Amino acid sequence: MAVRTPDPDPDDGFGFDDEPSANANPAWLTDIELEQARRRLPMLYVEAVPVITDGSGQVTSIGVLLRSTPLGEITRTLVSGRVRYGETVRDALFRHIENDLGPMAFPLLPVSPTPFAVAEYFPIPGVSAFHDDRQHAVSLVFVVPVTGTCEPRQDALEVTWFSPEEAASDTVSAEMEGGRGTLLRQALAHLGLLR
């Protein structure tokens, strides 16, 4: 009987999960099984663009994570991670927001979240606007208001809050990894904030 261990790599390439023990989640994949699955199947992810709103519900700030890659590069990214077997999209979204922004972020998630975009990441650059060296991944992307204090956890170095204008800049887009600058602009357009 194989011992199931958590993926020692970041859960999504960008953040670590607090994985349950093998007994609590027998469907969890070993490192070898995960690598094999990534070569054969698209992996399902969720991504979140955290926002802060004012009293009238207008978005005033957009949160972007600053991270260090395994190669030591500093990049910007979004809250992101895999959906586990048997886990709802809503639960996965909540888990990754808490993992990246801390337990006091207090995200406002609807009962039945609907993504504003679906992004397909490919290991071959140029197939789409999104790239992931390791795999073909399909990501459901959400805008999520947060009402609490965001303290980065896992491998995030900080959460940077940009005004909508700053978030739409070429500078921020160029710092985003894997094509996420495109997702950030799509989120701004979805919110009616892209000028």
Protein backbone atom coordinates (compact mmCIF):
# COMPACT_ATOMS: atom_id res chain seq x y z
CA MET A 1 0.00 0.00 0.00
CA ALA A 2 1.45 3.34 -1.09
CA VAL A 3 1.79 6.07 1.50
CA ARG A 4 0.06 9.24 0.30
CA THR A 5 1.89 12.45 1.04
CA PRO A 6 1.13 16.07 0.20
CA ASP A 7 2.60 17.61 -2.91
CA PRO A 8 5.86 19.14 -1.60
CA ASP A 9 5.79 21.60 -4.47
CA PRO A 10 3.50 24.59 -4.10
CA ASP A 11 -0.09 23.44 -4.48
CA ASP A 12 -0.52 25.38 -7.68
CA GLY A 13 2.99 26.44 -8.34
CA PHE A 14 2.30 29.55 -6.29
CA GLY A 15 1.16 28.57 -2.79
CA PHE A 16 1.41 25.72 -0.29
CA ASP A 17 -1.57 23.88 1.11
CA ASP A 18 -2.04 22.54 4.59
CA GLU A 19 -2.78 19.06 3.32
CA PRO A 20 -4.59 16.54 5.48
CA SER A 21 -2.95 13.27 6.46
CA ALA A 22 -3.19 10.29 4.13
CA ASN A 23 -5.96 8.78 6.24
CA ALA A 24 -8.05 11.97 6.09
CA ASN A 25 -7.79 12.22 2.30
CA PRO A 26 -7.05 8.86 0.64
CA ALA A 27 -7.65 10.37 -2.82
CA TRP A 28 -4.61 12.67 -2.53
CA LEU A 29 -1.94 11.93 -5.13
CA THR A 30 1.67 11.08 -4.44
CA ASP A 31 4.32 13.21 -6.16
CA ILE A 32 4.73 10.59 -8.87
CA GLU A 33 0.97 10.20 -9.40
CA LEU A 34 0.53 13.98 -9.59
CA GLU A 35 3.28 14.28 -12.20
CA GLN A 36 1.70 11.48 -14.24
CA ALA A 37 -1.76 13.07 -13.99
CA ARG A 38 -0.37 16.45 -15.06
CA ARG A 39 1.03 14.84 -18.22
CA ARG A 40 -2.31 13.23 -19.10
CA LEU A 41 -5.15 15.38 -17.77
CA PRO A 42 -6.02 19.05 -17.46
CA MET A 43 -5.94 20.07 -13.79
CA LEU A 44 -8.74 22.20 -12.30
CA TYR A 45 -7.78 25.37 -10.45
CA VAL A 46 -9.44 28.41 -8.92
CA GLU A 47 -7.96 31.90 -8.95
CA ALA A 48 -9.13 34.97 -7.08
CA VAL A 49 -8.63 38.67 -7.61
CA PRO A 50 -9.13 40.09 -4.10
CA VAL A 51 -10.69 43.54 -3.96
CA ILE A 52 -11.61 46.11 -1.34
CA THR A 53 -14.79 48.11 -1.81
CA ASP A 54 -16.07 51.35 -0.32
CA GLY A 55 -19.43 51.81 1.40
CA SER A 56 -21.26 52.07 -1.92
CA GLY A 57 -19.74 48.84 -3.28
CA GLN A 58 -17.26 50.51 -5.64
CA VAL A 59 -13.90 48.77 -5.93
CA THR A 60 -11.17 50.98 -4.50
CA SER A 61 -8.23 48.54 -4.33
CA ILE A 62 -7.11 45.37 -6.08
CA GLY A 63 -4.84 42.91 -4.25
CA VAL A 64 -1.90 41.24 -5.97
CA LEU A 65 0.52 38.81 -4.32
CA LEU A 66 4.28 39.24 -4.46
CA ARG A 67 6.06 35.88 -4.48
CA SER A 68 9.46 34.34 -4.87
CA THR A 69 9.66 31.49 -7.38
CA PRO A 70 11.69 28.31 -6.73
CA LEU A 71 14.35 29.88 -8.99
CA GLY A 72 14.54 32.96 -6.75
CA GLU A 73 12.71 35.32 -9.11
CA ILE A 74 10.29 37.84 -7.63
CA THR A 75 6.95 37.96 -9.45
CA ARG A 76 3.39 39.09 -8.92
CA THR A 77 0.45 36.72 -9.08
CA LEU A 78 -3.12 36.10 -7.96
CA VAL A 79 -4.53 33.88 -5.25
CA SER A 80 -4.51 30.48 -6.92
CA GLY A 81 -4.66 26.75 -6.29
CA ARG A 82 -5.98 23.33 -7.26
CA VAL A 83 -9.44 22.05 -6.53
CA ARG A 84 -9.18 18.83 -4.54
CA TYR A 85 -11.09 15.68 -5.37
CA GLY A 86 -14.49 15.87 -3.65
CA GLU A 87 -14.13 19.59 -2.85
CA THR A 88 -16.60 22.20 -4.06
CA VAL A 89 -15.31 25.13 -6.09
CA ARG A 90 -16.55 27.46 -3.33
CA ASP A 91 -14.64 25.54 -0.65
CA ALA A 92 -11.48 25.49 -2.77
CA LEU A 93 -11.75 29.22 -3.36
CA PHE A 94 -12.21 29.91 0.35
CA ARG A 95 -9.29 27.61 1.26
CA HIS A 96 -6.87 29.27 -1.15
CA ILE A 97 -7.89 32.78 -0.10
CA GLU A 98 -7.31 31.83 3.53
CA ASN A 99 -4.00 30.13 2.67
CA ASP A 100 -2.68 33.15 0.77
CA LEU A 101 -4.30 36.11 2.55
CA GLY A 102 -4.65 34.72 6.07
CA PRO A 103 -7.62 33.68 8.20
CA MET A 104 -8.61 37.28 8.96
CA ALA A 105 -9.19 38.29 5.29
CA PHE A 106 -12.92 37.56 5.63
CA PRO A 107 -13.79 37.03 1.95
CA LEU A 108 -17.36 37.64 0.84
CA LEU A 109 -18.15 34.53 -1.18
CA PRO A 110 -21.61 34.00 -2.62
CA VAL A 111 -23.38 30.70 -1.92
CA SER A 112 -22.90 29.72 -5.55
CA PRO A 113 -19.87 31.58 -6.97
CA THR A 114 -19.74 32.25 -10.71
CA PRO A 115 -16.38 32.90 -12.38
CA PHE A 116 -15.94 36.02 -14.50
CA ALA A 117 -13.41 34.14 -16.66
CA VAL A 118 -12.07 30.69 -17.47
CA ALA A 119 -8.35 30.60 -18.21
CA GLU A 120 -6.59 27.71 -19.91
CA TYR A 121 -2.91 27.34 -19.08
CA PHE A 122 -0.73 25.30 -21.44
CA PRO A 123 2.84 24.02 -21.06
CA ILE A 124 3.63 25.21 -24.58
CA PRO A 125 3.93 29.02 -24.79
CA GLY A 126 1.71 30.75 -27.33
CA VAL A 127 -1.22 28.29 -27.33
CA SER A 128 -3.17 30.79 -25.20
CA ALA A 129 -2.41 33.95 -23.24
CA PHE A 130 -1.67 31.76 -20.20
CA HIS A 131 1.35 29.54 -19.61
CA ASP A 132 2.33 26.92 -17.00
CA ASP A 133 5.50 24.91 -17.70
CA ARG A 134 4.23 21.91 -15.73
CA GLN A 135 0.79 21.22 -17.12
CA HIS A 136 -2.40 21.93 -18.97
CA ALA A 137 -4.67 23.57 -16.39
CA VAL A 138 -8.15 25.04 -16.51
CA SER A 139 -8.73 27.82 -14.01
CA LEU A 140 -12.01 29.35 -12.88
CA VAL A 141 -11.32 33.01 -12.05
CA PHE A 142 -13.31 35.06 -9.52
CA VAL A 143 -13.35 38.60 -8.15
CA VAL A 144 -13.67 38.31 -4.37
CA PRO A 145 -14.24 41.23 -2.00
CA VAL A 146 -12.36 40.92 1.30
CA THR A 147 -13.41 42.82 4.41
CA GLY A 148 -10.74 41.91 6.96
CA THR A 149 -7.01 42.23 7.40
CA CYS A 150 -4.87 40.46 4.81
CA GLU A 151 -1.61 39.03 6.11
CA PRO A 152 0.16 36.95 3.45
CA ARG A 153 0.88 33.35 4.30
CA GLN A 154 2.46 30.35 2.65
CA ASP A 155 5.01 31.52 0.07
CA ALA A 156 3.52 34.98 -0.53
CA LEU A 157 5.91 37.75 0.53
CA GLU A 158 3.26 40.48 0.61
CA VAL A 159 -0.12 41.55 -0.64
CA THR A 160 0.15 44.78 -2.60
CA TRP A 161 -3.03 46.86 -2.94
CA PHE A 162 -3.24 48.82 -6.16
CA SER A 163 -5.78 51.39 -7.28
CA PRO A 164 -7.70 50.21 -10.36
CA GLU A 165 -5.60 52.56 -12.50
CA GLU A 166 -2.33 51.19 -11.11
CA ALA A 167 -3.52 47.57 -11.52
CA ALA A 168 -4.27 48.25 -15.21
CA SER A 169 -0.75 49.57 -15.87
CA ASP A 170 1.72 47.88 -18.20
CA THR A 171 4.25 47.82 -15.35
CA VAL A 172 2.06 45.66 -13.09
CA SER A 173 1.03 43.47 -16.03
CA ALA A 174 4.69 42.84 -16.94
CA GLU A 175 5.43 41.72 -13.37
CA MET A 176 2.61 39.13 -13.38
CA GLU A 177 3.58 35.53 -14.10
CA GLY A 178 2.05 33.08 -16.56
CA GLY A 179 -0.14 35.66 -18.31
CA ARG A 180 -1.98 36.72 -15.17
CA GLY A 181 -1.64 40.37 -16.20
CA THR A 182 -4.28 39.52 -18.82
CA LEU A 183 -6.53 38.06 -16.11
CA LEU A 184 -6.07 41.15 -13.97
CA ARG A 185 -7.15 43.37 -16.87
CA GLN A 186 -10.10 41.06 -17.58
CA ALA A 187 -11.16 41.46 -13.94
CA LEU A 188 -10.94 45.24 -14.23
CA ALA A 189 -12.99 45.14 -17.43
CA HIS A 190 -15.55 42.86 -15.75
CA LEU A 191 -15.86 45.41 -12.95
CA GLY A 192 -16.19 48.30 -15.42
CA LEU A 193 -12.88 49.78 -14.24
CA LEU A 194 -10.74 49.44 -17.35
CA ARG A 195 -10.43 52.75 -19.14
